Every structure is written in C-alpha cells, then in structure tokens.
Amino acid sequence: LRFPKTNEHPNEYENWWVDGPWEFSLDVAKNREGTVVKEFGDLDDNGLGLVSVTKTPFEITIDDGQPGADYFTVALDADGDILDYGSSSNTNTFAIQDRDVSRIDVYICDYVEYMDELKGYYWSEDYESKKKEKTFKQLLDERALYHKEVVFGE
C-alpha cells in the first residue's frame, strides 16, 4: 500500500479534528403547526388494520398496528401514485413533497405477493398503457388484505 495508515481508524487521511474550547447552544422547538392526526383503531382479529395516520407538512406516518413481517403497507396519493418512503428504516413513513395528499389510500398486502407481483405492475415500463385497463389502485382494491381511505382535506 502506498499509504498504509489508511487501513487504520482513525487516520490522518480520512479524519480531521480541530481542537478548541467548543461550546454550542441551539434553541430548537418542535413545531406541530399543520400536523393532523386521524385516529381509527380499526384492527381486525388478525391485527390487520389502521390505528392512526399522522400528517405533517413534510411526511405521513401510518401506524398499522405493526402486523409483522408477513405484511407490507403501501400508501397512494390522491392521484393514485405510490408515496415515496421517507426513510429506509421506517417503511410506514412517506415523503409528501409536491404530492396531492388531501386524500390517501392505505393498503396492507401480503408481503410476498406485494414484492413478487403487485409492485412490479406499477413499476413496469408499460404501466402507462396498462393503467388504461386497470390502475394500480384498482389492482390493490382487488388484491389487498386491507384498505382504508383517509381524507385530510386542504
């Protein structure tokens, strides 16, 4: 190796420090303005359903009662398009920037069926032509284990 110290951590090539009397103070307050919480408590005997949906100006978080690894929750905006996941660690948090979320549709699907069959329908190259016959929402209406329309209004 030309720079053998790069295999060590920390090392002078990848890590830098500035010594000094650093002191920070940040005045941060949580702004709950524009947050809407819809409570449902709508769970069936198998635990499938919707506990609540929280909408902030930035994201929507769905509490589906954590039905487990056998299920997958998907949300569609008012135009019937899949909402993007806000983070990789929480697939029940959805980013809403530039989307019409005055109304959303929440679906809980069988995990394997969603991953192997359903999501591929939406993401296929020919979806624009396929949706003339059947939209992704119509497909989910037929195949999902649970569905709830959530209206926020604007």
Protein backbone atom coordinates (compact mmCIF):
# COMPACT_ATOMS: atom_id res chain seq x y z
CA LEU A 1 0.00 0.00 0.00
CA ARG A 2 1.17 3.47 -0.80
CA PHE A 3 -0.45 4.93 2.34
CA PRO A 4 -0.56 2.08 4.87
CA LYS A 5 -2.10 4.26 7.59
CA THR A 6 -5.35 4.42 5.60
CA ASN A 7 -6.13 0.92 6.91
CA GLU A 8 -6.22 2.29 10.46
CA HIS A 9 -9.09 4.09 12.11
CA PRO A 10 -8.90 6.92 12.82
CA ASN A 11 -6.29 8.08 10.33
CA GLU A 12 -4.99 11.44 9.21
CA TYR A 13 -6.22 10.97 5.64
CA GLU A 14 -9.91 10.39 6.37
CA ASN A 15 -10.44 12.04 9.76
CA TRP A 16 -9.73 15.58 10.89
CA TRP A 17 -10.01 17.24 14.26
CA VAL A 18 -9.92 20.84 15.31
CA ASP A 19 -9.08 21.22 18.95
CA GLY A 20 -10.53 24.10 20.86
CA PRO A 21 -12.98 25.16 23.53
CA TRP A 22 -16.14 24.37 21.52
CA GLU A 23 -19.49 25.06 23.12
CA PHE A 24 -22.76 25.09 21.27
CA SER A 25 -26.24 26.05 22.31
CA LEU A 26 -29.18 25.65 19.95
CA ASP A 27 -32.66 26.84 20.76
CA VAL A 28 -34.90 24.36 18.96
CA ALA A 29 -38.61 23.92 19.47
CA LYS A 30 -40.81 21.33 17.80
CA ASN A 31 -43.39 22.99 15.58
CA ARG A 32 -46.60 20.96 15.50
CA GLU A 33 -48.44 23.55 13.39
CA GLY A 34 -50.00 21.90 10.37
CA THR A 35 -49.93 18.42 11.95
CA VAL A 36 -53.11 16.38 11.57
CA VAL A 37 -53.68 13.09 13.38
CA LYS A 38 -56.51 10.79 12.30
CA GLU A 39 -57.31 8.06 14.84
CA PHE A 40 -59.00 4.88 13.62
CA GLY A 41 -58.31 1.94 15.93
CA ASP A 42 -59.61 -0.24 13.11
CA LEU A 43 -57.91 -3.63 13.65
CA ASP A 44 -59.43 -6.99 12.82
CA ASP A 45 -58.99 -10.22 14.80
CA ASN A 46 -55.71 -10.90 12.98
CA GLY A 47 -54.31 -7.45 13.88
CA LEU A 48 -54.65 -6.09 10.36
CA GLY A 49 -55.87 -2.55 10.04
CA LEU A 50 -55.15 1.03 10.81
CA VAL A 51 -54.52 2.54 14.24
CA SER A 52 -53.78 6.11 13.11
CA VAL A 53 -52.34 8.31 10.39
CA THR A 54 -50.27 11.40 11.18
CA LYS A 55 -49.70 14.05 8.52
CA THR A 56 -47.14 16.83 8.97
CA PRO A 57 -46.19 19.42 6.35
CA PHE A 58 -43.35 17.05 5.32
CA GLU A 59 -44.46 13.45 5.77
CA ILE A 60 -47.20 11.00 6.56
CA THR A 61 -46.68 8.29 9.16
CA ILE A 62 -49.01 5.31 9.25
CA ASP A 63 -49.49 3.27 12.42
CA ASP A 64 -50.78 -0.05 11.14
CA GLY A 65 -50.54 -1.81 14.48
CA GLN A 66 -47.33 -3.46 13.27
CA PRO A 67 -48.91 -6.52 11.69
CA GLY A 68 -45.49 -8.10 11.20
CA ALA A 69 -43.10 -9.25 8.53
CA ASP A 70 -45.79 -11.15 6.61
CA TYR A 71 -47.45 -7.89 5.53
CA PHE A 72 -46.50 -4.74 3.65
CA THR A 73 -48.18 -1.35 3.96
CA VAL A 74 -48.39 0.87 0.87
CA ALA A 75 -49.95 4.32 0.52
CA LEU A 76 -51.20 6.05 -2.62
CA ASP A 77 -51.65 9.79 -3.03
CA ALA A 78 -54.88 11.34 -4.33
CA ASP A 79 -53.68 10.75 -7.90
CA GLY A 80 -53.21 7.02 -7.27
CA ASP A 81 -49.40 7.14 -7.28
CA ILE A 82 -47.28 5.36 -4.68
CA LEU A 83 -45.99 7.67 -1.95
CA ASP A 84 -42.21 7.52 -1.57
CA TYR A 85 -40.80 6.09 1.64
CA GLY A 86 -39.31 8.80 3.81
CA SER A 87 -36.56 6.62 5.23
CA SER A 88 -35.18 3.16 4.74
CA SER A 89 -35.61 2.26 8.40
CA ASN A 90 -39.33 3.01 8.61
CA THR A 91 -41.39 1.90 5.65
CA ASN A 92 -44.53 3.38 7.21
CA THR A 93 -43.27 6.95 6.87
CA PHE A 94 -43.87 8.56 3.50
CA ALA A 95 -42.45 11.74 1.98
CA ILE A 96 -45.18 14.05 0.63
CA GLN A 97 -43.30 16.88 -1.09
CA ASP A 98 -45.16 18.14 -4.17
CA ARG A 99 -47.85 15.45 -3.84
CA ASP A 100 -51.62 15.81 -3.51
CA VAL A 101 -52.27 14.23 -0.12
CA SER A 102 -55.67 15.76 0.54
CA ARG A 103 -56.74 12.11 0.39
CA ILE A 104 -54.63 8.95 0.57
CA ASP A 105 -55.40 5.27 0.23
CA VAL A 106 -53.69 2.92 2.69
CA TYR A 107 -53.37 -0.75 1.76
CA ILE A 108 -51.97 -3.69 3.69
CA CYS A 109 -50.89 -6.51 1.41
CA ASP A 110 -49.39 -9.95 1.78
CA TYR A 111 -45.64 -9.23 1.82
CA VAL A 112 -44.59 -11.89 -0.70
CA GLU A 113 -47.47 -11.14 -3.08
CA TYR A 114 -46.72 -7.40 -2.98
CA MET A 115 -42.98 -7.80 -3.52
CA ASP A 116 -43.22 -10.54 -6.15
CA GLU A 117 -46.28 -9.44 -8.11
CA LEU A 118 -48.11 -6.25 -7.21
CA LYS A 119 -45.39 -3.60 -7.05
CA GLY A 120 -43.96 -4.78 -10.36
CA TYR A 121 -47.24 -3.85 -12.03
CA TYR A 122 -46.83 -0.20 -11.00
CA TRP A 123 -43.10 -0.01 -11.74
CA SER A 124 -43.28 -1.77 -15.11
CA GLU A 125 -42.12 0.08 -18.22
CA ASP A 126 -45.56 -0.26 -19.80
CA TYR A 127 -47.62 0.87 -16.77
CA GLU A 128 -48.83 4.00 -18.60
CA SER A 129 -50.58 1.81 -21.17
CA LYS A 130 -51.64 -0.88 -18.65
CA LYS A 131 -53.35 1.67 -16.39
CA LYS A 132 -55.83 2.45 -19.18
CA GLU A 133 -57.27 -1.00 -18.49
CA LYS A 134 -56.52 -1.26 -14.76
CA THR A 135 -54.85 1.29 -12.48
CA PHE A 136 -52.57 0.27 -9.63
CA LYS A 137 -55.27 1.40 -7.21
CA GLN A 138 -57.78 -0.92 -8.87
CA LEU A 139 -55.30 -3.79 -8.64
CA LEU A 140 -54.75 -3.11 -4.93
CA ASP A 141 -58.52 -2.81 -4.38
CA GLU A 142 -58.81 -6.37 -5.73
CA ARG A 143 -55.80 -7.95 -4.03
CA ALA A 144 -55.00 -6.13 -0.77
CA LEU A 145 -55.92 -7.68 2.55
CA TYR A 146 -56.98 -4.32 3.99
CA HIS A 147 -57.86 -0.88 2.58
CA LYS A 148 -58.77 2.44 4.16
CA GLU A 149 -59.27 5.80 2.50
CA VAL A 150 -58.02 8.67 4.66
CA VAL A 151 -59.32 12.15 3.82
CA PHE A 152 -57.38 15.14 5.10
CA GLY A 153 -58.85 17.92 3.00
CA GLU A 154 -56.84 21.05 2.38
